[in-house]
N, C-alpha and C. Protein backbone atom coordinates (compact mmCIF):
# COMPACT_ATOMS: atom_id res chain seq x y z
N UNK A 1 124.39 195.68 146.65
CA UNK A 1 124.41 195.75 148.10
C UNK A 1 124.90 194.44 148.65
N UNK A 2 125.35 194.46 149.86
CA UNK A 2 125.85 193.26 150.51
C UNK A 2 124.86 192.78 151.52
N UNK A 3 124.58 191.48 151.55
CA UNK A 3 123.64 190.88 152.48
C UNK A 3 124.34 189.79 153.24
N UNK A 4 124.21 189.84 154.57
CA UNK A 4 124.85 188.82 155.42
C UNK A 4 123.84 187.76 155.74
N UNK A 5 124.17 186.52 155.45
CA UNK A 5 123.25 185.40 155.64
C UNK A 5 123.90 184.40 156.55
N UNK A 6 123.15 183.88 157.53
CA UNK A 6 123.69 182.91 158.49
C UNK A 6 123.18 181.53 158.13
N UNK A 7 124.09 180.58 157.84
CA UNK A 7 123.71 179.20 157.54
C UNK A 7 124.45 178.29 158.49
N UNK A 8 123.71 177.80 159.43
CA UNK A 8 124.32 176.87 160.37
C UNK A 8 125.35 177.51 161.24
N UNK A 9 125.15 178.75 161.53
CA UNK A 9 126.08 179.41 162.44
C UNK A 9 127.29 180.00 161.75
N UNK A 10 127.37 179.80 160.44
CA UNK A 10 128.52 180.33 159.72
C UNK A 10 128.10 181.52 158.88
N UNK A 11 128.79 182.62 159.04
CA UNK A 11 128.44 183.84 158.31
C UNK A 11 128.99 183.77 156.90
N UNK A 12 128.12 184.10 155.92
CA UNK A 12 128.54 184.11 154.53
C UNK A 12 128.17 185.45 153.93
N UNK A 13 129.09 186.05 153.24
CA UNK A 13 128.83 187.29 152.54
C UNK A 13 128.53 186.99 151.08
N UNK A 14 127.32 187.30 150.65
CA UNK A 14 126.90 187.08 149.28
C UNK A 14 126.66 188.43 148.65
N UNK A 15 127.38 188.69 147.57
CA UNK A 15 127.20 189.95 146.86
C UNK A 15 126.16 189.75 145.78
N UNK A 16 125.07 190.49 145.83
CA UNK A 16 124.00 190.40 144.86
C UNK A 16 124.00 191.67 144.05
N UNK A 17 124.10 191.52 142.74
CA UNK A 17 124.10 192.67 141.86
C UNK A 17 122.84 192.61 141.02
N UNK A 18 122.04 193.58 141.16
CA UNK A 18 120.84 193.64 140.35
C UNK A 18 121.23 193.97 138.91
N UNK A 19 120.69 193.21 137.98
CA UNK A 19 120.91 193.50 136.55
C UNK A 19 122.17 192.84 136.04
N UNK A 20 123.38 193.44 136.22
CA UNK A 20 124.59 192.96 135.58
C UNK A 20 125.70 192.78 136.61
N UNK A 21 126.71 191.95 136.17
CA UNK A 21 127.80 191.68 137.12
C UNK A 21 129.12 191.78 136.39
N UNK A 22 130.18 191.89 137.19
CA UNK A 22 131.54 191.85 136.66
C UNK A 22 131.92 193.06 135.85
N UNK A 23 131.02 194.04 135.70
CA UNK A 23 131.37 195.26 134.99
C UNK A 23 131.52 195.08 133.49
N UNK A 24 131.24 193.84 132.97
CA UNK A 24 131.43 193.62 131.53
C UNK A 24 130.15 193.78 130.75
N UNK A 25 129.06 194.11 131.40
CA UNK A 25 127.82 194.30 130.68
C UNK A 25 127.18 193.00 130.23
N UNK A 26 127.48 191.83 130.91
CA UNK A 26 126.92 190.53 130.52
C UNK A 26 125.80 190.17 131.47
N UNK A 27 124.64 189.87 130.97
CA UNK A 27 123.50 189.49 131.79
C UNK A 27 123.67 188.05 132.24
N UNK A 28 123.67 187.83 133.52
CA UNK A 28 123.94 186.52 134.10
C UNK A 28 122.90 185.49 133.67
N UNK A 29 121.61 185.87 133.76
CA UNK A 29 120.55 184.92 133.42
C UNK A 29 120.59 184.55 131.95
N UNK A 30 120.80 185.54 131.07
CA UNK A 30 120.85 185.27 129.64
C UNK A 30 122.04 184.39 129.28
N UNK A 31 123.18 184.64 129.95
CA UNK A 31 124.38 183.86 129.69
C UNK A 31 124.18 182.40 130.07
N UNK A 32 123.58 182.16 131.24
CA UNK A 32 123.35 180.79 131.69
C UNK A 32 122.37 180.07 130.79
N UNK A 33 121.31 180.76 130.39
CA UNK A 33 120.31 180.15 129.50
C UNK A 33 120.93 179.78 128.15
N UNK A 34 121.77 180.68 127.62
CA UNK A 34 122.41 180.41 126.34
C UNK A 34 123.34 179.21 126.44
N UNK A 35 124.07 179.11 127.53
CA UNK A 35 125.00 178.00 127.72
C UNK A 35 124.26 176.68 127.82
N UNK A 36 123.17 176.66 128.59
CA UNK A 36 122.38 175.44 128.75
C UNK A 36 121.75 175.03 127.42
N UNK A 37 121.20 176.01 126.68
CA UNK A 37 120.57 175.72 125.40
C UNK A 37 121.57 175.13 124.40
N UNK A 38 122.79 175.69 124.38
CA UNK A 38 123.82 175.20 123.47
C UNK A 38 124.18 173.76 123.78
N UNK A 39 124.29 173.44 125.07
CA UNK A 39 124.64 172.08 125.45
C UNK A 39 123.54 171.10 125.08
N UNK A 40 122.29 171.51 125.32
CA UNK A 40 121.16 170.64 124.97
C UNK A 40 121.09 170.42 123.47
N UNK A 41 121.31 171.48 122.67
CA UNK A 41 121.26 171.36 121.22
C UNK A 41 122.37 170.45 120.71
N UNK A 42 123.57 170.59 121.27
CA UNK A 42 124.69 169.74 120.85
C UNK A 42 124.40 168.27 121.11
N UNK A 43 123.80 168.02 122.30
CA UNK A 43 123.48 166.63 122.64
C UNK A 43 122.39 166.09 121.72
N UNK A 44 121.43 166.90 121.37
CA UNK A 44 120.35 166.46 120.49
C UNK A 44 120.89 166.10 119.11
N UNK A 45 121.78 166.95 118.57
CA UNK A 45 122.37 166.68 117.26
C UNK A 45 123.19 165.39 117.29
N UNK A 46 123.94 165.19 118.38
CA UNK A 46 124.75 163.98 118.53
C UNK A 46 123.89 162.74 118.56
N UNK A 47 122.77 162.80 119.30
CA UNK A 47 121.86 161.65 119.38
C UNK A 47 121.26 161.33 118.02
N UNK A 48 120.91 162.36 117.24
CA UNK A 48 120.34 162.15 115.91
C UNK A 48 121.36 161.48 114.99
N UNK A 49 122.62 161.94 115.02
CA UNK A 49 123.65 161.35 114.19
C UNK A 49 123.91 159.90 114.55
N UNK A 50 123.95 159.61 115.85
CA UNK A 50 124.17 158.23 116.31
C UNK A 50 123.04 157.33 115.84
N UNK A 51 121.81 157.84 115.93
CA UNK A 51 120.65 157.05 115.49
C UNK A 51 120.70 156.78 113.99
N UNK A 52 121.11 157.77 113.19
CA UNK A 52 121.18 157.61 111.75
C UNK A 52 122.23 156.58 111.36
N UNK A 53 123.40 156.65 112.00
CA UNK A 53 124.47 155.70 111.69
C UNK A 53 124.06 154.30 112.10
N UNK A 54 123.41 154.18 113.28
CA UNK A 54 123.01 152.87 113.79
C UNK A 54 121.98 152.20 112.89
N UNK A 55 121.12 152.97 112.28
CA UNK A 55 120.08 152.40 111.41
C UNK A 55 120.50 152.34 109.96
N UNK A 56 121.71 152.85 109.66
CA UNK A 56 122.21 152.80 108.30
C UNK A 56 121.54 153.78 107.36
N UNK A 57 120.93 154.83 107.90
CA UNK A 57 120.18 155.75 107.06
C UNK A 57 120.96 156.97 106.65
N UNK A 58 122.26 157.03 106.97
CA UNK A 58 123.06 158.20 106.58
C UNK A 58 124.23 157.73 105.72
N UNK A 59 124.21 158.05 104.47
CA UNK A 59 125.26 157.73 103.52
C UNK A 59 125.38 158.90 102.55
N UNK A 60 126.59 159.11 102.11
CA UNK A 60 126.77 160.17 101.12
C UNK A 60 126.11 159.77 99.79
N UNK A 61 126.19 158.47 99.48
CA UNK A 61 125.65 158.02 98.22
C UNK A 61 125.52 156.51 98.26
N UNK A 62 124.46 155.98 97.66
CA UNK A 62 124.31 154.55 97.52
C UNK A 62 124.64 154.18 96.09
N UNK A 63 125.35 153.05 95.91
CA UNK A 63 125.67 152.61 94.56
C UNK A 63 125.92 151.11 94.56
N UNK A 64 125.82 150.53 93.39
CA UNK A 64 126.11 149.11 93.25
C UNK A 64 127.62 148.90 93.25
N UNK A 65 128.07 147.69 93.60
CA UNK A 65 129.51 147.42 93.57
C UNK A 65 130.09 147.64 92.18
N UNK A 66 131.29 148.19 92.13
CA UNK A 66 131.99 148.36 90.86
C UNK A 66 132.60 147.01 90.49
N UNK A 67 132.41 146.59 89.22
CA UNK A 67 132.88 145.26 88.84
C UNK A 67 133.26 145.19 87.37
N UNK A 68 134.24 144.34 87.08
CA UNK A 68 134.61 144.00 85.71
C UNK A 68 134.42 142.50 85.55
N UNK A 69 133.60 142.10 84.59
CA UNK A 69 133.30 140.69 84.35
C UNK A 69 134.02 140.24 83.08
N UNK A 70 134.93 139.28 83.25
CA UNK A 70 135.80 138.86 82.14
C UNK A 70 135.41 137.48 81.64
N UNK A 71 135.06 137.41 80.36
CA UNK A 71 134.71 136.14 79.71
C UNK A 71 136.01 135.47 79.25
N UNK A 72 136.21 134.22 79.65
CA UNK A 72 137.43 133.50 79.27
C UNK A 72 137.12 132.47 78.19
N UNK A 73 137.97 132.43 77.17
CA UNK A 73 137.79 131.48 76.07
C UNK A 73 139.00 130.54 75.97
N UNK A 74 138.77 129.35 75.41
CA UNK A 74 139.87 128.41 75.22
C UNK A 74 140.66 128.76 73.96
N UNK A 75 141.60 127.90 73.59
CA UNK A 75 142.47 128.20 72.45
C UNK A 75 141.71 128.34 71.13
N UNK A 76 140.56 127.71 71.04
CA UNK A 76 139.78 127.77 69.81
C UNK A 76 138.68 128.84 69.85
N UNK A 77 138.61 129.57 70.98
CA UNK A 77 137.64 130.66 71.07
C UNK A 77 136.33 130.29 71.72
N UNK A 78 136.22 129.08 72.25
CA UNK A 78 135.00 128.66 72.92
C UNK A 78 134.98 129.17 74.36
N UNK A 79 133.84 129.69 74.79
CA UNK A 79 133.71 130.20 76.16
C UNK A 79 133.86 129.05 77.15
N UNK A 80 134.69 129.23 78.16
CA UNK A 80 134.90 128.19 79.16
C UNK A 80 133.66 128.00 80.02
N UNK A 81 133.35 126.73 80.29
CA UNK A 81 132.27 126.40 81.19
C UNK A 81 132.70 126.59 82.64
N UNK A 82 131.80 126.35 83.55
CA UNK A 82 132.06 126.63 84.96
C UNK A 82 133.22 125.83 85.53
N UNK A 83 133.33 124.55 85.21
CA UNK A 83 134.38 123.72 85.80
C UNK A 83 135.77 124.14 85.32
N UNK A 84 135.91 124.38 84.02
CA UNK A 84 137.21 124.83 83.49
C UNK A 84 137.53 126.24 83.97
N UNK A 85 136.52 127.07 84.06
CA UNK A 85 136.72 128.44 84.52
C UNK A 85 137.20 128.45 85.97
N UNK A 86 136.67 127.55 86.76
CA UNK A 86 137.09 127.45 88.17
C UNK A 86 138.57 127.12 88.27
N UNK A 87 139.05 126.24 87.39
CA UNK A 87 140.47 125.87 87.40
C UNK A 87 141.35 127.07 87.09
N UNK A 88 140.92 127.91 86.14
CA UNK A 88 141.66 129.14 85.81
C UNK A 88 141.62 130.10 87.00
N UNK A 89 140.43 130.27 87.57
CA UNK A 89 140.24 131.18 88.69
C UNK A 89 141.16 130.85 89.87
N UNK A 90 141.29 129.57 90.16
CA UNK A 90 142.06 129.16 91.34
C UNK A 90 143.55 129.47 91.22
N UNK A 91 144.02 129.75 90.01
CA UNK A 91 145.44 130.06 89.81
C UNK A 91 145.70 131.56 89.64
N UNK A 92 144.64 132.34 89.65
CA UNK A 92 144.81 133.79 89.48
C UNK A 92 145.30 134.43 90.79
N UNK A 93 146.37 135.23 90.73
CA UNK A 93 146.80 135.97 91.93
C UNK A 93 145.66 136.87 92.40
N UNK A 94 145.37 136.82 93.68
CA UNK A 94 144.26 137.60 94.21
C UNK A 94 144.65 139.06 94.40
N UNK A 95 143.65 139.94 94.33
CA UNK A 95 143.88 141.36 94.54
C UNK A 95 144.05 141.65 96.03
N UNK A 96 144.85 142.67 96.38
CA UNK A 96 144.92 143.09 97.78
C UNK A 96 143.53 143.46 98.28
N UNK A 97 143.24 143.18 99.54
CA UNK A 97 141.89 143.39 100.08
C UNK A 97 141.42 144.83 99.94
N UNK A 98 142.35 145.79 100.03
CA UNK A 98 141.95 147.19 99.92
C UNK A 98 141.63 147.57 98.47
N UNK A 99 142.07 146.75 97.51
CA UNK A 99 141.80 147.01 96.11
C UNK A 99 140.48 146.39 95.68
N UNK A 100 140.24 145.15 96.11
CA UNK A 100 139.02 144.46 95.73
C UNK A 100 139.19 142.96 95.84
N UNK A 101 138.40 142.23 95.10
CA UNK A 101 138.46 140.77 95.16
C UNK A 101 138.22 140.17 93.77
N UNK A 102 138.66 138.91 93.62
CA UNK A 102 138.45 138.16 92.39
C UNK A 102 137.51 137.02 92.74
N UNK A 103 136.49 136.79 91.91
CA UNK A 103 135.52 135.75 92.22
C UNK A 103 134.86 135.24 90.95
N UNK A 104 134.21 134.10 91.05
CA UNK A 104 133.46 133.55 89.92
C UNK A 104 132.08 134.19 89.90
N UNK A 105 131.68 134.68 88.75
CA UNK A 105 130.39 135.36 88.66
C UNK A 105 129.68 135.03 87.36
N UNK A 106 128.77 135.90 86.96
CA UNK A 106 128.02 135.70 85.73
C UNK A 106 127.73 137.04 85.08
N UNK A 107 127.77 137.05 83.76
CA UNK A 107 127.37 138.22 82.98
C UNK A 107 126.07 137.88 82.26
N UNK A 108 125.24 138.90 82.04
CA UNK A 108 123.95 138.69 81.39
C UNK A 108 123.95 139.43 80.06
N UNK A 109 124.16 138.68 78.99
CA UNK A 109 124.30 139.28 77.66
C UNK A 109 122.97 139.36 76.95
N UNK A 110 122.80 140.44 76.20
CA UNK A 110 121.61 140.58 75.36
C UNK A 110 121.72 139.61 74.18
N UNK A 111 120.64 139.44 73.46
CA UNK A 111 120.62 138.49 72.35
C UNK A 111 121.64 138.82 71.27
N UNK A 112 121.96 140.10 71.13
CA UNK A 112 122.94 140.47 70.10
C UNK A 112 124.38 140.18 70.52
N UNK A 113 124.56 139.81 71.79
CA UNK A 113 125.87 139.49 72.37
C UNK A 113 126.83 140.68 72.33
N UNK A 114 126.32 141.86 72.02
CA UNK A 114 127.16 143.05 71.96
C UNK A 114 126.90 143.99 73.13
N UNK A 115 125.83 143.77 73.84
CA UNK A 115 125.51 144.57 75.03
C UNK A 115 125.15 143.62 76.17
N UNK A 116 125.12 144.18 77.37
CA UNK A 116 124.81 143.36 78.53
C UNK A 116 123.83 144.07 79.44
N UNK A 117 123.20 143.30 80.31
CA UNK A 117 122.25 143.84 81.28
C UNK A 117 122.90 143.90 82.65
N UNK A 118 122.53 144.90 83.40
CA UNK A 118 123.01 145.00 84.77
C UNK A 118 122.49 143.80 85.57
N UNK A 119 123.32 143.22 86.44
CA UNK A 119 122.87 142.10 87.26
C UNK A 119 121.80 142.50 88.27
N UNK A 120 121.57 143.82 88.41
CA UNK A 120 120.57 144.31 89.37
C UNK A 120 119.26 144.70 88.67
N UNK A 121 119.18 144.48 87.35
CA UNK A 121 117.99 144.86 86.60
C UNK A 121 117.09 143.66 86.36
N UNK A 122 115.83 143.94 86.09
CA UNK A 122 114.89 142.88 85.75
C UNK A 122 115.17 142.34 84.35
N UNK A 123 115.78 143.16 83.49
CA UNK A 123 116.07 142.76 82.12
C UNK A 123 117.01 141.57 82.04
N UNK A 124 117.83 141.40 83.09
CA UNK A 124 118.82 140.31 83.05
C UNK A 124 118.17 138.94 82.87
N UNK A 125 116.92 138.83 83.31
CA UNK A 125 116.22 137.54 83.22
C UNK A 125 116.00 137.11 81.77
N UNK A 126 116.00 138.07 80.86
CA UNK A 126 115.81 137.75 79.45
C UNK A 126 117.14 137.58 78.72
N UNK A 127 118.25 137.79 79.43
CA UNK A 127 119.56 137.69 78.81
C UNK A 127 120.16 136.30 78.90
N UNK A 128 121.26 136.10 78.20
CA UNK A 128 122.00 134.84 78.25
C UNK A 128 123.04 134.93 79.36
N UNK A 129 122.96 134.02 80.31
CA UNK A 129 123.89 134.02 81.44
C UNK A 129 125.18 133.32 81.05
N UNK A 130 126.30 134.03 81.21
CA UNK A 130 127.61 133.51 80.82
C UNK A 130 128.52 133.53 82.04
N UNK A 131 129.19 132.42 82.36
CA UNK A 131 130.11 132.40 83.50
C UNK A 131 131.33 133.28 83.23
N UNK A 132 131.76 134.00 84.24
CA UNK A 132 132.89 134.92 84.08
C UNK A 132 133.78 134.87 85.32
N UNK A 133 134.97 135.40 85.13
CA UNK A 133 135.83 135.72 86.27
C UNK A 133 135.63 137.20 86.53
N UNK A 134 135.23 137.52 87.74
CA UNK A 134 134.88 138.91 88.07
C UNK A 134 135.91 139.53 89.00
N UNK A 135 136.14 140.82 88.77
CA UNK A 135 136.98 141.63 89.63
C UNK A 135 136.07 142.72 90.18
N UNK A 136 135.96 142.81 91.50
CA UNK A 136 135.00 143.77 92.04
C UNK A 136 135.40 144.35 93.36
N UNK A 137 134.71 145.43 93.71
CA UNK A 137 134.92 146.09 94.99
C UNK A 137 133.59 146.72 95.40
N UNK A 138 133.05 146.29 96.55
CA UNK A 138 131.76 146.82 96.99
C UNK A 138 131.89 147.96 97.99
N UNK A 139 133.07 148.06 98.65
CA UNK A 139 133.20 149.06 99.71
C UNK A 139 132.99 150.49 99.26
N UNK A 140 133.94 151.06 98.51
CA UNK A 140 133.79 152.46 98.11
C UNK A 140 133.08 152.65 96.78
N UNK A 141 132.48 151.59 96.25
CA UNK A 141 131.82 151.67 94.94
C UNK A 141 132.81 152.10 93.86
N UNK A 142 134.05 151.74 94.02
CA UNK A 142 135.09 152.15 93.08
C UNK A 142 136.07 150.99 92.92
N UNK A 143 136.52 150.77 91.71
CA UNK A 143 137.46 149.67 91.44
C UNK A 143 138.63 150.19 90.63
N UNK A 144 139.82 149.87 91.10
CA UNK A 144 141.03 150.27 90.40
C UNK A 144 142.06 149.15 90.51
N UNK A 145 142.39 148.56 89.36
CA UNK A 145 143.45 147.56 89.35
C UNK A 145 144.12 147.56 88.00
N UNK A 146 145.35 147.08 87.95
CA UNK A 146 146.17 147.21 86.74
C UNK A 146 146.08 146.00 85.82
N UNK A 147 146.30 144.80 86.37
CA UNK A 147 146.44 143.65 85.48
C UNK A 147 146.07 142.35 86.18
N UNK A 148 146.03 141.30 85.37
CA UNK A 148 145.76 139.96 85.89
C UNK A 148 146.47 138.95 84.99
N UNK A 149 147.13 137.99 85.60
CA UNK A 149 147.80 136.92 84.84
C UNK A 149 147.00 135.63 85.01
N UNK A 150 146.65 135.01 83.88
CA UNK A 150 145.83 133.81 83.93
C UNK A 150 146.53 132.65 83.22
N UNK A 151 146.30 131.43 83.73
CA UNK A 151 146.93 130.23 83.19
C UNK A 151 145.87 129.25 82.71
N UNK A 152 146.18 128.61 81.57
CA UNK A 152 145.25 127.61 81.03
C UNK A 152 146.03 126.69 80.09
N UNK A 153 145.99 125.39 80.36
CA UNK A 153 146.67 124.38 79.55
C UNK A 153 148.15 124.71 79.35
N UNK A 154 148.79 125.15 80.41
CA UNK A 154 150.23 125.41 80.35
C UNK A 154 150.61 126.75 79.74
N UNK A 155 149.64 127.52 79.30
CA UNK A 155 149.92 128.84 78.73
C UNK A 155 149.57 129.93 79.74
N UNK A 156 150.25 131.06 79.61
CA UNK A 156 149.98 132.21 80.48
C UNK A 156 149.63 133.43 79.64
N UNK A 157 148.56 134.11 80.05
CA UNK A 157 148.18 135.39 79.44
C UNK A 157 148.24 136.46 80.51
N UNK A 158 149.02 137.49 80.25
CA UNK A 158 149.01 138.64 81.15
C UNK A 158 148.12 139.70 80.54
N UNK A 159 147.11 140.10 81.25
CA UNK A 159 146.10 141.03 80.75
C UNK A 159 146.23 142.38 81.45
N UNK A 160 146.56 143.42 80.68
CA UNK A 160 146.71 144.76 81.24
C UNK A 160 145.36 145.48 81.12
N UNK A 161 144.58 145.43 82.19
CA UNK A 161 143.26 146.04 82.18
C UNK A 161 143.33 147.57 82.38
N UNK A 162 144.16 148.00 83.33
CA UNK A 162 144.25 149.41 83.72
C UNK A 162 142.86 149.98 84.01
N UNK A 163 142.14 149.30 84.89
CA UNK A 163 140.78 149.68 85.24
C UNK A 163 140.78 150.73 86.35
N UNK A 164 139.95 151.74 86.18
CA UNK A 164 139.75 152.77 87.21
C UNK A 164 138.32 153.28 87.05
N UNK A 165 137.36 152.56 87.63
CA UNK A 165 135.94 152.91 87.42
C UNK A 165 135.25 153.22 88.75
N UNK A 166 134.32 154.17 88.73
CA UNK A 166 134.05 155.09 87.61
C UNK A 166 134.94 156.32 87.69
N UNK A 167 135.29 156.88 86.56
CA UNK A 167 135.96 158.18 86.50
C UNK A 167 135.61 158.85 85.18
N UNK A 168 136.23 159.96 84.89
CA UNK A 168 135.86 160.75 83.71
C UNK A 168 136.08 159.97 82.41
N UNK A 169 137.19 159.23 82.34
CA UNK A 169 137.50 158.47 81.14
C UNK A 169 136.78 157.12 81.10
N UNK A 170 136.45 156.60 82.26
CA UNK A 170 135.76 155.30 82.36
C UNK A 170 134.50 155.48 83.22
N UNK A 171 133.47 156.16 82.68
CA UNK A 171 132.30 156.54 83.48
C UNK A 171 131.26 155.43 83.63
N UNK A 172 131.72 154.26 84.08
CA UNK A 172 130.82 153.11 84.25
C UNK A 172 131.04 152.50 85.63
N UNK A 173 130.02 151.78 86.11
CA UNK A 173 130.15 151.08 87.39
C UNK A 173 130.40 149.58 87.20
N UNK A 174 129.97 149.06 86.06
CA UNK A 174 130.26 147.67 85.77
C UNK A 174 130.58 147.53 84.29
N UNK A 175 131.28 146.44 83.98
CA UNK A 175 131.81 146.26 82.63
C UNK A 175 131.88 144.77 82.32
N UNK A 176 131.63 144.43 81.05
CA UNK A 176 131.82 143.05 80.58
C UNK A 176 132.88 143.09 79.49
N UNK A 177 133.92 142.27 79.66
CA UNK A 177 135.05 142.26 78.72
C UNK A 177 135.18 140.87 78.12
N UNK A 178 135.13 140.80 76.79
CA UNK A 178 135.34 139.53 76.11
C UNK A 178 136.83 139.29 75.96
N UNK A 179 137.20 138.06 75.60
CA UNK A 179 138.62 137.73 75.51
C UNK A 179 139.00 137.17 74.15
N UNK A 180 140.27 137.22 73.86
CA UNK A 180 140.83 136.54 72.71
C UNK A 180 140.88 135.05 72.99
N UNK A 181 141.04 134.21 71.96
CA UNK A 181 141.33 132.81 72.24
C UNK A 181 142.57 132.72 73.13
N UNK A 182 142.57 131.81 74.07
CA UNK A 182 143.67 131.76 75.05
C UNK A 182 144.99 131.48 74.35
N UNK A 183 145.99 132.30 74.68
CA UNK A 183 147.30 132.19 74.04
C UNK A 183 148.36 132.84 74.92
N UNK A 184 149.58 132.43 74.70
CA UNK A 184 150.70 132.99 75.44
C UNK A 184 150.91 134.45 75.03
N UNK A 185 151.21 135.32 76.00
CA UNK A 185 151.54 136.69 75.67
C UNK A 185 150.99 137.71 76.65
N UNK A 186 151.32 138.96 76.40
CA UNK A 186 150.84 140.09 77.19
C UNK A 186 149.98 140.97 76.31
N UNK A 187 148.82 141.35 76.80
CA UNK A 187 147.85 142.09 76.01
C UNK A 187 147.29 143.27 76.82
N UNK A 188 147.06 144.38 76.12
CA UNK A 188 146.54 145.58 76.78
C UNK A 188 145.14 145.88 76.26
N UNK A 189 144.24 146.22 77.17
CA UNK A 189 142.85 146.51 76.82
C UNK A 189 142.67 147.97 76.43
N UNK A 190 142.05 148.21 75.29
CA UNK A 190 141.75 149.56 74.83
C UNK A 190 140.36 149.95 75.36
N UNK A 191 140.33 150.92 76.26
CA UNK A 191 139.06 151.35 76.88
C UNK A 191 138.61 152.72 76.38
N UNK A 192 139.12 153.14 75.27
CA UNK A 192 138.76 154.46 74.75
C UNK A 192 137.31 154.48 74.27
N UNK A 193 136.69 155.66 74.34
CA UNK A 193 135.35 155.84 73.80
C UNK A 193 134.21 155.36 74.68
N UNK A 194 134.47 155.09 75.95
CA UNK A 194 133.40 154.66 76.84
C UNK A 194 132.44 155.81 77.14
N UNK A 195 131.14 155.52 77.11
CA UNK A 195 130.14 156.52 77.46
C UNK A 195 129.62 156.29 78.86
N UNK A 196 128.80 157.22 79.33
CA UNK A 196 128.25 157.12 80.68
C UNK A 196 127.37 155.88 80.79
N UNK A 197 127.66 155.03 81.80
CA UNK A 197 126.92 153.78 82.01
C UNK A 197 126.83 152.97 80.72
N UNK A 198 127.93 152.92 80.01
CA UNK A 198 128.01 152.20 78.73
C UNK A 198 127.81 150.70 78.96
N UNK A 199 126.84 150.11 78.29
CA UNK A 199 126.55 148.68 78.45
C UNK A 199 126.98 147.86 77.24
N UNK A 200 127.92 148.40 76.48
CA UNK A 200 128.49 147.62 75.38
C UNK A 200 129.49 146.61 75.94
N UNK A 201 129.49 145.40 75.40
CA UNK A 201 130.52 144.43 75.76
C UNK A 201 131.83 144.88 75.12
N UNK A 202 132.89 144.92 75.90
CA UNK A 202 134.20 145.25 75.35
C UNK A 202 134.69 144.05 74.54
N UNK A 203 134.59 144.15 73.23
CA UNK A 203 134.86 143.02 72.35
C UNK A 203 136.33 142.61 72.38
N UNK A 204 136.59 141.38 71.93
CA UNK A 204 137.95 140.83 71.98
C UNK A 204 138.95 141.66 71.18
N UNK A 205 138.47 142.34 70.13
CA UNK A 205 139.36 143.15 69.29
C UNK A 205 139.98 144.32 70.02
N UNK A 206 139.47 144.63 71.19
CA UNK A 206 140.06 145.74 71.97
C UNK A 206 141.36 145.32 72.68
N UNK A 207 141.65 144.03 72.69
CA UNK A 207 142.91 143.58 73.27
C UNK A 207 144.03 143.71 72.23
N UNK A 208 145.08 144.42 72.58
CA UNK A 208 146.21 144.62 71.69
C UNK A 208 147.45 143.93 72.26
N UNK A 209 148.12 143.14 71.42
CA UNK A 209 149.31 142.43 71.88
C UNK A 209 150.44 143.41 72.20
N UNK A 210 151.02 143.22 73.37
CA UNK A 210 152.16 144.05 73.79
C UNK A 210 153.45 143.25 73.65
N UNK A 211 153.37 141.95 73.96
CA UNK A 211 154.55 141.08 73.92
C UNK A 211 154.11 139.65 73.67
N UNK A 212 155.03 138.87 73.12
CA UNK A 212 154.74 137.47 72.87
C UNK A 212 154.87 136.63 74.12
N UNK A 213 155.34 137.23 75.21
CA UNK A 213 155.49 136.51 76.46
C UNK A 213 154.63 137.17 77.53
N UNK A 214 154.26 136.39 78.54
CA UNK A 214 153.47 136.92 79.65
C UNK A 214 154.40 137.54 80.68
N UNK A 215 155.06 138.62 80.30
CA UNK A 215 156.04 139.27 81.17
C UNK A 215 155.37 139.86 82.38
N UNK A 216 155.97 139.62 83.57
CA UNK A 216 155.39 140.13 84.82
C UNK A 216 156.38 141.05 85.50
């Protein structure tokens, strides 16, 4: 029915339909309630997500930084101390920021010197701390890099690591790699046979000579 209503001297025709309107069979009150509820729910979900991100409580996965710790030895096979290691480190070409970083670190070796402890474990306190040159990436918990060229006493060693951790063939988050006595040449690391979270030190014998020169 039509009802004429006077507001301030102006006539307005308001059509009131009991029950349904527009001939489409849609209930006006139910439609409005559904629309309001949807908007409120969307806002509530958005606020929860913002709060989680702000407090750092929403992550797909937490993990330790992926890292490769490389023990450097001199020409006679002696492990380099911190001062000599720093000199080698300062001449190493740095990794692109999106790949990772190179830094001076430490590995924690077990008494047998064939296995190592995670730097995040309590067991590391009982291990032997050895200075290393580390390659790592904390952002995506993943590290992938091909090689590193190092200089010592006028000699250059090009080391083909071909690291891609963790993945199916290299199912580890951190690794300790021993080195050959420092010498001129190009060498490739054999990473075959790695197990899940393998804590074996990659012994020097895994380095295979590719060339007598440090070809780049």
